[in-house]
Amino acid sequence: MTTIVVVDNHGQFTHLERRALRDLGVDTDLIDNETPPEEVDADGIVLSGGPDMDRIGRSAEYLEGDVPVLGICLGMQLIAEELGGRVGSGEYGGYADVTVDIVDEEDPLTGSLHPETRVWASHADEVKELPEGFELTAKSDVCGVEAMSDTDRDLYGVQWHPEVAHTEEGDEIFENFLEICEQ
């Protein structure tokens, strides 16, 4: 059975990420973000959302492993910032229902949602500049980088929250990530 661990960055929806994976039949656990990566045996890692970069614990260390990583909201911002991208304040602010344009229909994480999907996202902070090696995979009228992928390193990120009911095709993001982890 595939194991995907959710690293808890203190987000309000983190428990829903674990539940979404469990509902797909994935062996999953929610772990504290101070847990050293060498203590975790998993086929994939989800870096959860959270309130701010000052509370990410050891999350950045998970980017150095050899398993796929999916960053959600703050998790995506953490990936971008750690790998040389740029994160800044969003003009739109708090949570909202957003139509996202999927710009890369070949992307293994978001491509199946092409041409667009409705999501629930916070834009208080967002990725402003992609790190080297990443491709833009989704954008919206309120945010230039709604999703990004580095398929060579199996690092993926979405600005939105696929785990909440307001996101129309959220389960598909988790299904696609599971497929990535099983390859």
C-alpha atoms as a PDB file:
ATOM      1  CA  MET A   1       0.000   0.000   0.000  1.00  0.00           C
ATOM      2  CA  THR A   2       1.225   3.487  -0.870  1.00  0.00           C
ATOM      3  CA  THR A   3       2.112   5.691   2.099  1.00  0.00           C
ATOM      4  CA  ILE A   4       1.783   9.478   1.897  1.00  0.00           C
ATOM      5  CA  VAL A   5       2.588  11.558   4.963  1.00  0.00           C
ATOM      6  CA  VAL A   6       1.043  14.982   5.608  1.00  0.00           C
ATOM      7  CA  VAL A   7       3.460  17.374   7.319  1.00  0.00           C
ATOM      8  CA  ASP A   8       1.421  19.651   9.598  1.00  0.00           C
ATOM      9  CA  ASN A   9       2.302  23.337   9.175  1.00  0.00           C
ATOM     10  CA  HIS A  10      -0.562  24.343  11.484  1.00  0.00           C
ATOM     11  CA  GLY A  11      -3.107  25.058   8.746  1.00  0.00           C
ATOM     12  CA  GLN A  12      -6.789  25.074   9.574  1.00  0.00           C
ATOM     13  CA  PHE A  13      -7.580  22.424   6.922  1.00  0.00           C
ATOM     14  CA  THR A  14      -4.605  20.088   7.435  1.00  0.00           C
ATOM     15  CA  HIS A  15      -6.724  17.297   8.964  1.00  0.00           C
ATOM     16  CA  LEU A  16      -8.856  17.358   5.786  1.00  0.00           C
ATOM     17  CA  GLU A  17      -5.768  16.673   3.645  1.00  0.00           C
ATOM     18  CA  ARG A  18      -5.111  13.509   5.627  1.00  0.00           C
ATOM     19  CA  ARG A  19      -8.761  12.494   5.384  1.00  0.00           C
ATOM     20  CA  ALA A  20      -8.849  13.035   1.607  1.00  0.00           C
ATOM     21  CA  LEU A  21      -5.845  10.719   1.217  1.00  0.00           C
ATOM     22  CA  ARG A  22      -7.288   8.130   3.598  1.00  0.00           C
ATOM     23  CA  ASP A  23     -10.561   8.189   1.624  1.00  0.00           C
ATOM     24  CA  LEU A  24      -8.536   7.237  -1.476  1.00  0.00           C
ATOM     25  CA  GLY A  25      -7.251   4.141   0.332  1.00  0.00           C
ATOM     26  CA  VAL A  26      -3.826   5.614   1.023  1.00  0.00           C
ATOM     27  CA  ASP A  27      -1.907   4.666   4.152  1.00  0.00           C
ATOM     28  CA  THR A  28      -1.465   8.136   5.605  1.00  0.00           C
ATOM     29  CA  ASP A  29      -0.418   9.886   8.767  1.00  0.00           C
ATOM     30  CA  LEU A  30      -0.335  13.470   9.974  1.00  0.00           C
ATOM     31  CA  ILE A  31       3.053  14.342  11.449  1.00  0.00           C
ATOM     32  CA  ASP A  32       4.415  17.359  13.279  1.00  0.00           C
ATOM     33  CA  ASN A  33       6.609  19.596  11.131  1.00  0.00           C
ATOM     34  CA  GLU A  34       9.473  19.239  13.619  1.00  0.00           C
ATOM     35  CA  THR A  35       9.748  15.523  12.704  1.00  0.00           C
ATOM     36  CA  PRO A  36      13.138  14.820  11.080  1.00  0.00           C
ATOM     37  CA  PRO A  37      12.693  13.511   7.503  1.00  0.00           C
ATOM     38  CA  GLU A  38      15.005  10.561   8.185  1.00  0.00           C
ATOM     39  CA  GLU A  39      12.402   9.258  10.674  1.00  0.00           C
ATOM     40  CA  VAL A  40       9.701   9.155   7.982  1.00  0.00           C
ATOM     41  CA  ASP A  41       9.210   6.201   5.631  1.00  0.00           C
ATOM     42  CA  ALA A  42       6.807   7.338   2.908  1.00  0.00           C
ATOM     43  CA  ASP A  43       6.215   7.163  -0.843  1.00  0.00           C
ATOM     44  CA  GLY A  44       5.160  10.820  -0.922  1.00  0.00           C
ATOM     45  CA  ILE A  45       4.994  13.947   1.229  1.00  0.00           C
ATOM     46  CA  VAL A  46       2.299  16.619   1.443  1.00  0.00           C
ATOM     47  CA  LEU A  47       3.436  19.924   2.939  1.00  0.00           C
ATOM     48  CA  SER A  48       0.256  21.404   4.374  1.00  0.00           C
ATOM     49  CA  GLY A  49      -0.898  24.962   4.404  1.00  0.00           C
ATOM     50  CA  GLY A  50      -0.390  27.116   7.450  1.00  0.00           C
ATOM     51  CA  PRO A  51      -0.440  30.617   8.880  1.00  0.00           C
ATOM     52  CA  ASP A  52       3.123  31.787   8.194  1.00  0.00           C
ATOM     53  CA  MET A  53       6.689  30.900   7.217  1.00  0.00           C
ATOM     54  CA  ASP A  54       7.899  31.346  10.784  1.00  0.00           C
ATOM     55  CA  ARG A  55       6.115  28.119  11.780  1.00  0.00           C
ATOM     56  CA  ILE A  56       7.304  25.669   9.092  1.00  0.00           C
ATOM     57  CA  GLY A  57       9.582  23.671  11.392  1.00  0.00           C
ATOM     58  CA  ARG A  58      11.755  21.266   9.383  1.00  0.00           C
ATOM     59  CA  SER A  59       9.434  21.217   6.337  1.00  0.00           C
ATOM     60  CA  ALA A  60      12.138  22.499   3.964  1.00  0.00           C
ATOM     61  CA  GLU A  61      14.275  19.431   4.742  1.00  0.00           C
ATOM     62  CA  TYR A  62      11.646  17.222   3.046  1.00  0.00           C
ATOM     63  CA  LEU A  63      12.564  18.807  -0.303  1.00  0.00           C
ATOM     64  CA  GLU A  64      15.942  17.072  -0.152  1.00  0.00           C
ATOM     65  CA  GLY A  65      14.475  13.556  -0.145  1.00  0.00           C
ATOM     66  CA  ASP A  66      13.869  11.267  -3.086  1.00  0.00           C
ATOM     67  CA  VAL A  67      10.067  11.040  -2.885  1.00  0.00           C
ATOM     68  CA  PRO A  68       7.462  13.270  -4.551  1.00  0.00           C
ATOM     69  CA  VAL A  69       6.355  16.360  -2.620  1.00  0.00           C
ATOM     70  CA  LEU A  70       3.083  18.261  -2.950  1.00  0.00           C
ATOM     71  CA  GLY A  71       2.944  21.701  -1.363  1.00  0.00           C
ATOM     72  CA  ILE A  72      -0.491  23.154  -0.622  1.00  0.00           C
ATOM     73  CA  CYS A  73      -0.807  26.948  -0.193  1.00  0.00           C
ATOM     74  CA  LEU A  74       1.955  27.757   2.352  1.00  0.00           C
ATOM     75  CA  GLY A  75       3.538  24.421   1.386  1.00  0.00           C
ATOM     76  CA  MET A  76       3.876  25.629  -2.219  1.00  0.00           C
ATOM     77  CA  GLN A  77       5.217  28.991  -1.074  1.00  0.00           C
ATOM     78  CA  LEU A  78       7.780  27.213   1.092  1.00  0.00           C
ATOM     79  CA  ILE A  79       8.960  25.154  -1.903  1.00  0.00           C
ATOM     80  CA  ALA A  80       9.285  28.302  -4.024  1.00  0.00           C
ATOM     81  CA  GLU A  81      11.139  30.298  -1.396  1.00  0.00           C
ATOM     82  CA  GLU A  82      13.516  27.470  -0.429  1.00  0.00           C
ATOM     83  CA  LEU A  83      14.464  26.768  -4.052  1.00  0.00           C
ATOM     84  CA  GLY A  84      15.123  30.327  -5.207  1.00  0.00           C
ATOM     85  CA  GLY A  85      11.693  31.601  -6.207  1.00  0.00           C
ATOM     86  CA  ARG A  86       9.995  34.623  -4.700  1.00  0.00           C
ATOM     87  CA  VAL A  87       6.934  34.865  -2.462  1.00  0.00           C
ATOM     88  CA  GLY A  88       5.075  38.087  -1.700  1.00  0.00           C
ATOM     89  CA  SER A  89       1.768  39.501  -0.561  1.00  0.00           C
ATOM     90  CA  GLY A  90      -1.182  38.915  -2.810  1.00  0.00           C
ATOM     91  CA  GLU A  91      -3.354  41.784  -3.925  1.00  0.00           C
ATOM     92  CA  TYR A  92      -6.547  39.785  -3.402  1.00  0.00           C
ATOM     93  CA  GLY A  93      -6.074  38.788   0.232  1.00  0.00           C
ATOM     94  CA  GLY A  94      -8.156  36.199   2.073  1.00  0.00           C
ATOM     95  CA  TYR A  95     -10.126  33.121   1.057  1.00  0.00           C
ATOM     96  CA  ALA A  96     -12.242  33.236  -2.064  1.00  0.00           C
ATOM     97  CA  ASP A  97     -13.818  31.091  -4.752  1.00  0.00           C
ATOM     98  CA  VAL A  98     -11.544  31.413  -7.807  1.00  0.00           C
ATOM     99  CA  THR A  99     -11.650  30.123 -11.385  1.00  0.00           C
ATOM    100  CA  VAL A 100      -8.225  28.710 -12.222  1.00  0.00           C
ATOM    101  CA  ASP A 101      -6.941  28.300 -15.780  1.00  0.00           C
ATOM    102  CA  ILE A 102      -4.899  25.120 -16.219  1.00  0.00           C
ATOM    103  CA  VAL A 103      -2.153  26.170 -18.648  1.00  0.00           C
ATOM    104  CA  ASP A 104      -0.336  22.836 -18.992  1.00  0.00           C
ATOM    105  CA  GLU A 105      -2.681  19.982 -19.870  1.00  0.00           C
ATOM    106  CA  GLU A 106       0.283  17.551 -19.847  1.00  0.00           C
ATOM    107  CA  ASP A 107       1.154  18.263 -16.200  1.00  0.00           C
ATOM    108  CA  PRO A 108       0.802  15.080 -14.118  1.00  0.00           C
ATOM    109  CA  LEU A 109      -0.707  16.937 -11.139  1.00  0.00           C
ATOM    110  CA  THR A 110      -3.101  19.507 -12.636  1.00  0.00           C
ATOM    111  CA  GLY A 111      -3.345  18.620 -16.341  1.00  0.00           C
ATOM    112  CA  SER A 112      -6.433  16.434 -15.946  1.00  0.00           C
ATOM    113  CA  LEU A 113      -8.369  19.535 -14.794  1.00  0.00           C
ATOM    114  CA  HIS A 114      -7.728  21.352 -18.109  1.00  0.00           C
ATOM    115  CA  PRO A 115      -9.000  23.829 -19.253  1.00  0.00           C
ATOM    116  CA  GLU A 116     -10.207  25.276 -15.927  1.00  0.00           C
ATOM    117  CA  THR A 117     -11.483  24.457 -12.459  1.00  0.00           C
ATOM    118  CA  ARG A 118     -13.111  26.241  -9.519  1.00  0.00           C
ATOM    119  CA  VAL A 119     -11.113  26.320  -6.300  1.00  0.00           C
ATOM    120  CA  TRP A 120     -11.093  27.734  -2.784  1.00  0.00           C
ATOM    121  CA  ALA A 121      -7.878  29.645  -2.204  1.00  0.00           C
ATOM    122  CA  SER A 122      -6.236  32.215   0.016  1.00  0.00           C
ATOM    123  CA  HIS A 123      -4.081  34.831  -1.669  1.00  0.00           C
ATOM    124  CA  ALA A 124      -2.747  36.641   1.389  1.00  0.00           C
ATOM    125  CA  ASP A 125       0.683  35.435   0.206  1.00  0.00           C
ATOM    126  CA  GLU A 126       1.531  33.836  -3.123  1.00  0.00           C
ATOM    127  CA  VAL A 127       4.398  32.787  -5.357  1.00  0.00           C
ATOM    128  CA  LYS A 128       5.501  35.792  -7.394  1.00  0.00           C
ATOM    129  CA  GLU A 129       8.438  34.182  -9.200  1.00  0.00           C
ATOM    130  CA  LEU A 130       8.975  30.493  -9.983  1.00  0.00           C
ATOM    131  CA  PRO A 131      12.139  28.768  -8.798  1.00  0.00           C
ATOM    132  CA  GLU A 132      14.518  27.454 -11.442  1.00  0.00           C
ATOM    133  CA  GLY A 133      13.344  24.164 -12.938  1.00  0.00           C
ATOM    134  CA  PHE A 134       9.640  24.802 -12.299  1.00  0.00           C
ATOM    135  CA  GLU A 135       6.915  25.267 -14.900  1.00  0.00           C
ATOM    136  CA  LEU A 136       3.777  27.325 -14.452  1.00  0.00           C
ATOM    137  CA  THR A 137       0.839  24.905 -14.614  1.00  0.00           C
ATOM    138  CA  ALA A 138      -2.107  27.086 -13.524  1.00  0.00           C
ATOM    139  CA  LYS A 139      -2.994  30.766 -13.129  1.00  0.00           C
ATOM    140  CA  SER A 140      -6.028  32.946 -12.426  1.00  0.00           C
ATOM    141  CA  ASP A 141      -7.196  36.525 -12.717  1.00  0.00           C
ATOM    142  CA  VAL A 142      -6.144  37.130  -9.106  1.00  0.00           C
ATOM    143  CA  CYS A 143      -2.860  35.192  -9.004  1.00  0.00           C
ATOM    144  CA  GLY A 144      -0.197  34.646 -11.657  1.00  0.00           C
ATOM    145  CA  VAL A 145       1.035  31.371 -10.099  1.00  0.00           C
ATOM    146  CA  GLU A 146      -1.825  29.148  -8.931  1.00  0.00           C
ATOM    147  CA  ALA A 147       0.167  25.937  -9.486  1.00  0.00           C
ATOM    148  CA  MET A 148       3.710  24.898 -10.404  1.00  0.00           C
ATOM    149  CA  SER A 149       5.580  21.681 -11.129  1.00  0.00           C
ATOM    150  CA  ASP A 150       9.126  20.436 -11.412  1.00  0.00           C
ATOM    151  CA  THR A 151       8.554  16.972 -12.861  1.00  0.00           C
ATOM    152  CA  ASP A 152      12.289  16.168 -12.925  1.00  0.00           C
ATOM    153  CA  ARG A 153      12.460  16.452  -9.134  1.00  0.00           C
ATOM    154  CA  ASP A 154       8.806  15.436  -8.508  1.00  0.00           C
ATOM    155  CA  LEU A 155       8.050  18.695  -6.672  1.00  0.00           C
ATOM    156  CA  TYR A 156       4.557  20.141  -7.091  1.00  0.00           C
ATOM    157  CA  GLY A 157       2.539  22.969  -5.615  1.00  0.00           C
ATOM    158  CA  VAL A 158      -0.958  24.414  -5.671  1.00  0.00           C
ATOM    159  CA  GLN A 159      -2.011  27.734  -4.170  1.00  0.00           C
ATOM    160  CA  TRP A 160      -5.527  26.449  -3.562  1.00  0.00           C
ATOM    161  CA  HIS A 161      -6.898  23.952  -1.056  1.00  0.00           C
ATOM    162  CA  PRO A 162      -7.884  20.715  -2.839  1.00  0.00           C
ATOM    163  CA  GLU A 163      -9.010  19.209   0.478  1.00  0.00           C
ATOM    164  CA  VAL A 164     -12.011  21.496   1.074  1.00  0.00           C
ATOM    165  CA  ALA A 165     -15.542  20.962  -0.262  1.00  0.00           C
ATOM    166  CA  HIS A 166     -15.530  24.381  -2.005  1.00  0.00           C
ATOM    167  CA  THR A 167     -12.853  23.139  -4.431  1.00  0.00           C
ATOM    168  CA  GLU A 168     -14.761  21.370  -7.210  1.00  0.00           C
ATOM    169  CA  GLU A 169     -12.192  18.775  -8.339  1.00  0.00           C
ATOM    170  CA  GLY A 170      -9.965  18.645  -5.280  1.00  0.00           C
ATOM    171  CA  ASP A 171     -10.000  14.866  -4.980  1.00  0.00           C
ATOM    172  CA  GLU A 172      -8.530  14.667  -8.461  1.00  0.00           C
ATOM    173  CA  ILE A 173      -5.416  16.545  -7.296  1.00  0.00           C
ATOM    174  CA  PHE A 174      -4.895  13.928  -4.559  1.00  0.00           C
ATOM    175  CA  GLU A 175      -5.608  11.089  -7.019  1.00  0.00           C
ATOM    176  CA  ASN A 176      -3.049  12.514  -9.462  1.00  0.00           C
ATOM    177  CA  PHE A 177      -0.475  12.941  -6.691  1.00  0.00           C
ATOM    178  CA  LEU A 178      -1.074   9.344  -5.614  1.00  0.00           C
ATOM    179  CA  GLU A 179      -0.380   8.230  -9.196  1.00  0.00           C
ATOM    180  CA  ILE A 180       2.866  10.243  -9.183  1.00  0.00           C
ATOM    181  CA  CYS A 181       3.902   8.576  -5.912  1.00  0.00           C
ATOM    182  CA  GLU A 182       3.148   5.095  -7.269  1.00  0.00           C
ATOM    183  CA  GLN A 183       5.346   5.500 -10.362  1.00  0.00           C
END
